[in-house]
Protein backbone atom coordinates (compact mmCIF):
# COMPACT_ATOMS: atom_id res chain seq x y z
CA MET A 1 72.29 124.13 194.21
CA LYS A 2 72.36 123.56 190.53
CA HIS A 3 69.39 124.52 188.33
CA ALA A 4 68.67 122.86 185.02
CA ILE A 5 68.85 125.26 182.26
CA PRO A 6 65.69 125.27 180.26
CA GLY A 7 65.85 123.99 176.72
CA SER A 8 68.98 122.00 177.56
CA ASP A 9 69.21 118.23 177.13
CA SER A 10 69.06 116.76 180.69
CA THR A 11 70.28 113.43 179.53
CA SER A 12 73.66 115.00 178.56
CA ALA A 13 74.57 115.09 182.07
CA THR A 14 74.27 111.38 182.47
CA VAL A 15 76.45 110.39 179.46
CA PRO A 16 79.78 108.67 180.15
CA GLN A 17 82.86 110.70 179.60
CA GLY A 18 84.19 108.01 177.10
CA ARG A 19 81.03 108.11 174.86
CA GLN A 20 81.40 111.90 174.62
CA ASP A 21 85.01 111.56 173.35
CA ALA A 22 83.95 109.09 170.34
CA ALA A 23 83.26 111.30 167.26
CA PRO A 24 81.24 109.83 164.20
CA ARG A 25 83.37 109.02 161.25
CA PRO A 26 83.20 111.45 158.28
CA ALA A 27 81.32 110.26 155.10
CA ALA A 28 83.33 108.76 152.23
CA GLY A 29 84.03 110.98 149.38
CA PRO A 30 83.58 110.09 145.82
CA THR A 31 85.60 107.16 144.41
CA ARG A 32 88.40 108.33 142.13
CA VAL A 33 89.01 106.41 138.71
CA ARG A 34 92.29 104.68 139.28
CA ARG A 35 94.81 103.19 136.87
CA ARG A 36 93.43 99.54 137.38
CA HIS A 37 90.10 100.82 136.55
CA ARG A 38 91.27 102.24 133.27
CA LEU A 39 93.11 99.03 132.53
CA LEU A 40 90.02 96.93 133.13
CA MET A 41 88.06 99.25 130.68
CA LEU A 42 90.78 99.03 128.13
CA SER A 43 90.84 95.20 128.40
CA PHE A 44 86.99 95.14 127.87
CA VAL A 45 87.27 97.29 124.77
CA LEU A 46 90.17 95.30 123.41
CA TRP A 47 88.64 91.77 124.35
CA VAL A 48 84.94 92.32 123.70
CA VAL A 49 84.03 95.51 121.96
CA ILE A 50 86.74 95.56 119.14
CA PRO A 51 86.26 91.89 118.16
CA LEU A 52 82.63 92.26 118.34
CA VAL A 53 82.53 95.14 116.00
CA ALA A 54 85.15 93.50 113.66
CA THR A 55 82.77 90.49 113.56
CA GLY A 56 79.84 92.53 112.80
CA TRP A 57 81.72 94.41 110.13
CA TYR A 58 82.67 91.24 108.44
CA LEU A 59 79.40 89.59 108.72
CA PHE A 60 77.33 92.56 107.36
CA THR A 61 79.93 93.81 104.71
CA VAL A 62 82.25 91.09 103.57
CA ALA A 63 80.52 87.68 104.09
CA HIS A 64 78.65 86.56 101.00
CA ASP A 65 75.15 85.44 101.39
CA GLN A 66 74.43 81.62 101.48
CA PHE A 67 71.26 79.93 100.06
CA ALA A 68 69.98 76.69 101.40
CA SER A 69 68.51 73.86 99.41
CA LYS A 70 66.76 70.93 101.30
CA VAL A 71 65.97 67.52 100.19
CA GLY A 72 64.31 64.63 102.12
CA PHE A 73 64.10 61.01 101.50
CA ALA A 74 63.73 57.55 102.92
CA VAL A 75 64.78 54.11 101.80
CA ARG A 76 61.59 52.01 100.97
CA THR A 77 61.63 48.21 100.87
CA GLU A 78 58.74 46.78 99.03
CA GLU A 79 57.87 43.12 98.30
CA VAL A 80 55.95 42.66 95.18
CA GLY A 81 53.56 39.63 95.39
CA SER A 82 53.12 37.03 92.70
CA THR A 83 50.40 37.26 90.09
CA LEU A 84 48.16 35.00 92.24
CA ALA A 85 48.51 37.45 95.17
CA PHE A 86 47.64 40.43 93.00
CA LEU A 87 44.55 38.59 91.78
CA GLY A 88 43.68 37.87 95.22
CA GLY A 89 43.87 41.57 96.16
CA VAL A 90 46.95 41.01 98.32
CA ALA A 91 49.25 43.89 97.68
CA GLY A 92 52.87 43.91 99.08
CA LEU A 93 53.72 45.77 102.07
CA SER A 94 56.36 48.43 102.01
CA GLY A 95 58.60 49.79 104.76
CA SER A 96 61.68 51.50 105.53
CA SER A 97 64.97 49.77 106.21
CA SER A 98 66.82 51.20 109.16
CA SER A 99 70.10 49.56 108.35
CA ASP A 100 70.09 50.83 104.79
CA THR A 101 69.25 54.32 106.13
CA ASP A 102 72.33 54.20 108.60
CA ILE A 103 74.36 53.23 105.77
CA LEU A 104 73.15 56.13 103.66
CA TYR A 105 73.41 58.62 106.45
CA GLU A 106 77.27 57.83 106.94
CA TYR A 107 77.79 57.61 103.07
CA ILE A 108 76.28 61.27 102.50
CA GLN A 109 79.06 62.58 104.92
CA SER A 110 81.76 60.46 103.71
CA GLN A 111 84.60 61.39 101.44
CA GLN A 112 83.28 58.93 98.79
CA MET A 113 80.13 60.99 98.33
CA VAL A 114 82.32 64.17 98.03
CA ARG A 115 84.38 62.47 95.15
CA ALA A 116 81.08 61.32 93.47
CA VAL A 117 79.56 64.76 93.53
CA SER A 118 82.83 66.34 92.68
CA ALA A 119 83.08 64.14 89.52
CA ARG A 120 79.68 65.45 88.34
CA LEU A 121 79.85 69.00 89.65
CA ASP A 122 82.78 71.40 89.99
CA LEU A 123 82.79 71.75 93.74
CA ARG A 124 85.80 73.98 94.01
CA GLU A 125 84.39 76.36 91.56
CA ILE A 126 81.07 76.41 93.38
CA TYR A 127 82.41 77.09 96.81
CA THR A 128 85.13 79.48 95.98
CA VAL A 129 84.34 83.20 96.03
CA PRO A 130 86.64 86.07 96.32
CA GLY A 131 87.05 88.21 99.35
CA ASP A 132 85.42 85.80 101.80
CA PRO A 133 88.25 83.74 103.39
CA VAL A 134 85.94 82.75 106.49
CA PHE A 135 82.94 81.23 104.70
CA ALA A 136 84.44 80.22 101.21
CA LEU A 137 86.54 77.28 100.25
CA GLY A 138 90.32 77.94 100.66
CA GLU A 139 93.02 77.68 98.29
CA ASP A 140 94.04 74.11 99.36
CA ALA A 141 92.56 71.82 96.50
CA ARG A 142 93.30 68.43 98.21
CA ILE A 143 90.37 66.21 98.77
CA GLU A 144 90.80 66.26 102.47
CA ALA A 145 90.42 69.96 102.63
CA LEU A 146 87.32 69.72 100.31
CA TRP A 147 85.80 67.01 102.56
CA THR A 148 86.31 69.20 105.78
CA TYR A 149 84.61 71.99 104.02
CA TRP A 150 81.76 69.61 102.88
CA GLN A 151 80.89 68.91 106.53
CA ARG A 152 80.33 72.59 107.09
CA MET A 153 78.25 73.27 103.99
CA VAL A 154 76.18 69.93 103.96
CA LYS A 155 74.28 68.84 107.06
CA VAL A 156 72.44 65.54 107.40
CA PHE A 157 69.73 65.24 109.81
CA TYR A 158 68.57 61.62 110.64
CA ASP A 159 65.27 60.74 112.49
CA ARG A 160 65.92 57.12 113.43
CA GLY A 161 62.41 56.78 114.83
CA SER A 162 60.91 57.38 111.43
CA SER A 163 64.18 56.34 109.35
CA LEU A 164 63.84 59.86 107.43
CA ILE A 165 66.79 61.64 106.15
CA GLU A 166 66.70 65.45 105.56
CA VAL A 167 69.76 67.04 103.77
CA ARG A 168 70.55 70.85 104.07
CA VAL A 169 72.95 72.14 101.43
CA LEU A 170 74.40 75.52 101.49
CA ALA A 171 76.01 77.44 98.49
CA PHE A 172 76.71 81.02 97.45
CA ASP A 173 74.21 80.65 94.55
CA PRO A 174 70.76 79.04 94.90
CA ALA A 175 71.01 77.22 91.65
CA ASP A 176 74.30 75.63 92.90
CA ALA A 177 72.73 74.62 96.17
CA THR A 178 69.79 72.90 94.19
CA ALA A 179 72.31 71.18 91.89
CA VAL A 180 74.32 69.76 94.77
CA ALA A 181 71.34 68.63 96.63
CA THR A 182 69.89 66.81 93.49
CA THR A 183 73.29 65.15 92.88
CA ILE A 184 73.36 63.99 96.52
CA PHE A 185 69.93 62.37 95.99
CA ASP A 186 70.95 60.82 92.75
CA GLU A 187 74.13 59.37 94.22
CA SER A 188 72.25 58.09 97.10
CA SER A 189 69.75 56.28 94.99
CA ALA A 190 72.63 54.84 93.04
CA MET A 191 74.14 53.55 96.46
CA ILE A 192 70.80 51.99 97.39
CA ASN A 193 70.56 50.31 93.97
CA THR A 194 74.00 48.83 94.51
CA LEU A 195 73.08 47.68 97.96
CA SER A 196 69.97 46.07 96.43
CA THR A 197 71.96 44.21 93.82
CA ILE A 198 74.34 42.84 96.39
CA ALA A 199 71.56 41.84 98.60
CA ARG A 200 69.93 39.77 95.69
CA ALA A 201 73.35 38.38 94.89
CA ASP A 202 73.91 37.23 98.44
CA ALA A 203 70.45 35.84 98.57
CA THR A 204 71.01 33.52 95.57
CA ARG A 205 74.84 32.90 96.12
CA TYR A 206 74.32 29.85 98.63
CA ALA A 207 71.51 28.50 96.46
CA GLU A 208 73.50 28.48 93.42
CA GLY A 209 76.35 26.95 95.28
CA ASP A 210 74.01 24.12 96.30
CA LEU A 211 72.77 23.75 92.75
CA GLN A 212 76.14 23.43 91.51
CA ARG A 213 77.17 20.74 93.95
CA ALA A 214 74.11 18.76 93.27
CA GLN A 215 74.49 19.11 89.65
CA GLU A 216 78.04 17.70 89.95
CA ARG A 217 76.92 14.63 92.06
CA LEU A 218 74.20 13.84 89.55
CA LYS A 219 76.74 14.07 86.83
CA GLN A 220 79.03 11.67 88.59
CA ALA A 221 76.34 9.17 89.36
CA ARG A 222 75.23 9.20 85.63
CA GLN A 223 78.81 8.67 84.76
CA ALA A 224 79.05 5.70 87.04
CA THR A 225 75.91 4.13 85.52
CA THR A 226 77.16 4.62 82.08
CA ALA A 227 80.52 3.05 82.95
CA PHE A 228 78.55 0.04 84.34
CA ARG A 229 76.52 -0.32 81.30
CA ASN A 230 79.49 -0.09 79.16
CA ARG A 231 81.36 -2.79 81.11
CA THR A 232 78.52 -5.18 81.28
CA GLY A 233 76.84 -4.55 78.02
CA MET A 234 73.36 -4.00 79.76
CA ILE A 235 71.18 -1.10 79.21
CA ASP A 236 68.73 -2.16 81.90
CA PRO A 237 70.49 -4.79 83.91
CA LEU A 238 67.54 -5.74 85.95
CA ALA A 239 65.30 -6.45 82.72
CA ASP A 240 68.27 -8.07 81.06
CA ILE A 241 69.11 -10.35 84.06
CA GLN A 242 65.25 -11.29 84.45
CA GLY A 243 65.21 -12.17 80.73
CA GLN A 244 68.24 -14.14 80.69
CA MET A 245 67.51 -15.81 83.86
CA GLY A 246 64.20 -16.92 82.14
CA VAL A 247 66.15 -18.37 79.28
CA VAL A 248 68.49 -20.20 81.56
CA ASN A 249 65.76 -21.57 83.75
CA ALA A 250 64.05 -22.76 80.57
CA LEU A 251 67.32 -24.36 79.53
CA GLN A 252 67.74 -25.90 83.02
CA SER A 253 64.26 -27.37 82.76
CA GLN A 254 64.88 -28.65 79.33
CA LEU A 255 68.07 -30.24 80.47
CA ALA A 256 66.21 -31.84 83.41
CA ASP A 257 63.73 -33.40 81.22
CA GLU A 258 66.56 -34.80 78.78
CA LEU A 259 68.43 -36.25 81.74
CA VAL A 260 65.08 -37.97 82.95
CA SER A 261 64.61 -39.30 79.62
CA ARG A 262 68.21 -40.64 79.41
CA GLN A 263 67.75 -42.25 82.76
CA THR A 264 64.49 -43.76 81.78
CA LEU A 265 66.13 -45.46 78.72
CA LEU A 266 68.86 -46.72 80.82
CA ASP A 267 66.42 -48.19 83.38
CA ALA A 268 64.67 -50.01 80.64
CA ALA A 269 67.86 -52.12 80.08
CA THR A 270 68.83 -50.13 77.00
CA SER A 271 72.44 -50.40 76.10
CA VAL A 272 74.67 -47.28 76.34
CA SER A 273 75.41 -47.79 72.72
CA ASP A 274 71.78 -47.42 71.83
CA PRO A 275 71.37 -44.65 69.22
CA ARG A 276 68.50 -43.16 71.31
CA VAL A 277 70.76 -42.70 74.33
CA THR A 278 73.63 -41.20 72.21
CA GLN A 279 71.20 -38.70 70.70
CA LEU A 280 70.06 -37.76 74.30
CA ASP A 281 73.71 -37.28 75.22
CA GLY A 282 74.19 -34.98 72.27
CA ARG A 283 71.17 -32.88 73.21
CA ILE A 284 72.12 -32.91 76.89
CA GLU A 285 75.67 -31.65 75.87
CA ALA A 286 74.28 -28.97 73.60
CA ILE A 287 71.93 -27.76 76.31
CA ARG A 288 74.80 -27.54 78.74
CA LYS A 289 76.78 -25.55 76.42
CA GLN A 290 74.01 -23.02 76.02
CA VAL A 291 73.49 -22.71 79.74
CA VAL A 292 77.30 -21.85 80.05
CA GLU A 293 77.06 -19.49 77.32
CA GLN A 294 74.08 -17.66 78.91
CA ARG A 295 75.65 -17.66 82.35
CA SER A 296 78.98 -16.50 80.93
CA GLN A 297 77.27 -13.27 79.94
CA PHE A 298 76.82 -12.31 83.55
CA GLY A 299 80.47 -12.72 84.28
CA GLY A 300 80.04 -15.89 86.26
CA SER A 301 82.92 -18.40 86.06
CA VAL A 302 81.58 -21.93 85.77
CA ASN A 303 84.10 -24.85 86.11
CA GLY A 304 83.14 -28.42 85.30
CA LEU A 305 79.51 -29.36 84.84
CA VAL A 306 77.16 -26.55 84.73
CA GLY A 307 74.43 -28.60 85.99
CA SER A 308 76.19 -29.30 89.33
CA ALA A 309 75.24 -27.48 92.43
CA ALA A 310 78.60 -25.76 92.53
CA ASP A 311 77.89 -24.10 89.12
CA GLN A 312 74.56 -23.12 90.24
CA VAL A 313 75.87 -21.36 93.35
CA SER A 314 78.67 -19.71 91.39
CA GLY A 315 76.24 -18.41 88.81
CA ASP A 316 73.79 -17.07 91.46
CA ALA A 317 76.57 -15.31 93.13
CA ALA A 318 77.59 -13.37 89.95
CA TYR A 319 73.95 -12.54 89.39
CA ALA A 320 73.62 -11.16 92.86
CA THR A 321 76.82 -9.13 92.64
CA LEU A 322 75.64 -7.51 89.40
CA LEU A 323 72.22 -6.74 90.91
CA GLU A 324 73.78 -5.33 93.98
CA GLU A 325 76.26 -3.05 92.09
CA TYR A 326 73.48 -1.92 89.88
CA GLU A 327 70.83 -1.13 92.49
CA GLY A 328 73.64 0.81 94.48
CA LEU A 329 74.18 2.84 91.19
CA GLU A 330 70.57 3.34 90.75
CA MET A 331 70.13 4.48 94.33
CA ASP A 332 72.92 7.04 93.99
CA ARG A 333 71.58 8.31 90.80
CA GLU A 334 67.90 8.75 92.12
CA PHE A 335 69.28 10.55 95.23
CA ALA A 336 71.40 12.78 93.19
CA GLU A 337 68.31 13.50 90.90
CA LYS A 338 66.19 14.26 93.93
CA SER A 339 68.99 16.55 95.44
CA PHE A 340 69.29 18.35 92.18
CA LEU A 341 65.58 18.94 91.81
CA ALA A 342 65.59 20.31 95.40
CA ALA A 343 68.52 22.48 94.95
CA LEU A 344 66.99 23.75 91.68
CA ALA A 345 63.67 24.57 93.39
CA ALA A 346 65.56 26.19 96.26
CA ARG A 347 67.57 28.49 93.70
CA ASN A 348 64.48 29.50 91.96
CA ASP A 349 62.65 30.36 94.99
CA ALA A 350 65.56 32.38 96.14
CA MET A 351 65.78 34.33 92.83
CA ALA A 352 62.06 34.89 92.93
CA LYS A 353 62.11 36.23 96.33
CA ALA A 354 65.09 38.42 95.56
CA GLN A 355 63.45 39.77 92.50
CA ARG A 356 60.11 40.47 94.42
CA GLN A 357 61.92 42.56 97.14
CA SER A 358 62.70 45.89 95.63
CA ARG A 359 64.54 48.81 97.62
CA TYR A 360 64.57 52.24 96.42
CA LEU A 361 64.99 55.71 97.49
CA ALA A 362 61.65 57.59 97.92
CA SER A 363 61.99 61.47 98.17
CA TYR A 364 59.37 63.30 100.31
CA VAL A 365 60.86 66.58 99.84
CA ALA A 366 62.31 67.45 96.43
CA PRO A 367 65.40 69.58 96.17
CA THR A 368 64.26 73.05 96.83
CA LEU A 369 65.34 76.34 95.12
CA ALA A 370 65.91 79.13 97.68
CA GLN A 371 64.79 82.71 96.85
CA THR A 372 66.12 84.26 100.14
CA ALA A 373 69.60 83.99 101.67
CA GLU A 374 69.06 82.50 105.17
CA TYR A 375 72.76 82.04 105.89
CA PRO A 376 75.03 83.06 107.40
CA ARG A 377 72.83 83.90 110.30
CA ARG A 378 74.41 87.12 111.18
CA PHE A 379 72.48 88.20 114.36
CA VAL A 380 72.87 84.85 115.90
CA LEU A 381 76.51 84.73 115.19
CA MET A 382 76.73 88.05 116.71
CA PHE A 383 74.94 87.30 119.87
CA THR A 384 76.93 84.02 120.14
CA ILE A 385 80.28 85.53 119.65
CA GLY A 386 79.40 88.50 121.85
CA GLY A 387 78.40 86.18 124.71
CA PHE A 388 81.48 84.13 124.43
CA LEU A 389 83.89 87.27 124.34
CA LEU A 390 81.81 88.82 127.43
CA ILE A 391 81.85 85.42 129.43
CA SER A 392 85.58 84.81 128.58
CA TRP A 393 86.46 88.52 129.60
CA SER A 394 84.56 88.27 132.84
CA ILE A 395 86.42 85.12 133.93
CA ALA A 396 89.85 86.59 133.07
CA ALA A 397 88.84 89.68 135.08
CA MET A 398 87.93 87.47 138.03
CA ILE A 399 90.91 85.55 137.90
CA TYR A 400 93.08 88.68 137.68
CA TYR A 401 91.47 90.30 140.68
CA SER A 402 91.66 87.00 142.64
CA LEU A 403 95.40 86.76 142.16
CA ARG A 404 95.79 90.53 142.96
CA ASP A 405 93.84 90.25 146.32
CA ARG A 406 96.08 87.32 147.32
CA ARG A 407 99.14 89.42 146.99
């Protein structure tokens, strides 16, 4: 009979044999620094630390200070009213032109602006400083290189909602930055003036063309009227025709009276050889000649006896032709005169509107003169470059270990 030993674990007798044979694993020892760890640290130093230290050394010891000058402006369009409008207390409304502002925004960043500013200021001398190859202008003196550098030193900020433009100019001397900003404003103002001149020319160009064409039509109509007067010898054909027709009608009436008198003598059994009949025949012949002469002035051809019906129809046809031609010429002349007056009024109105519309560059921030160097922003650049180096090194390390684990 077995007795339990006091103080002994009674459960040990019930533990299976296999469980008693399983011994606990020993605790892991301290990790040793291996070769791959040293290489990883070396890559971190070479990839991140050294470039970051070199960047800091360059920024704080080599890089020259840069001063910023800012100028803000907007394109304003003002329509000046007439004198009556001013007397009535109505002033012109002014606003901004977004299309002109868009043009100006692109123009400031263009190579043309660089050429214009460089013609007034020596940009190569302004932006060339010794010992700063990163932030200073390089030795390449071509306009393309200067324009590329211009994109770095001149920043344009455009608020399309309010059509306001703000330009920030960097330079190594505050006076140079202010001079460049002032020149940019002057050249921008000159560009707006040029656009305004072109707009005024476009506004009056079509009106001037219409006026010239109307003037040419009026000239041709007057020349045609003058040619008609020279050909017919009539200054006012309608008045001349009416006057001469009155003379012809009077002669025709007189001729009729003489014919009646002659017929009355013949009816009274008077001989044809009667001196009175002979006298009447002479008067009748004279009157007929005068009628022929008067009608010949109208260009009508009269054959035979003028007093006949055929002669009357021929003369009336000649009169109608002259009147029709003259009335057509008068109609053309009057239409040409009205067209000319309308074109002249339209041209004058277009010129008046173009002169009343004035576009100019209004500055709401004058070019500033910096007293403190704000650029380059060294700490911002340090953090940016350091973050980029750290992220790129981390990605490279993960790629390396991923490829290593696959092997």
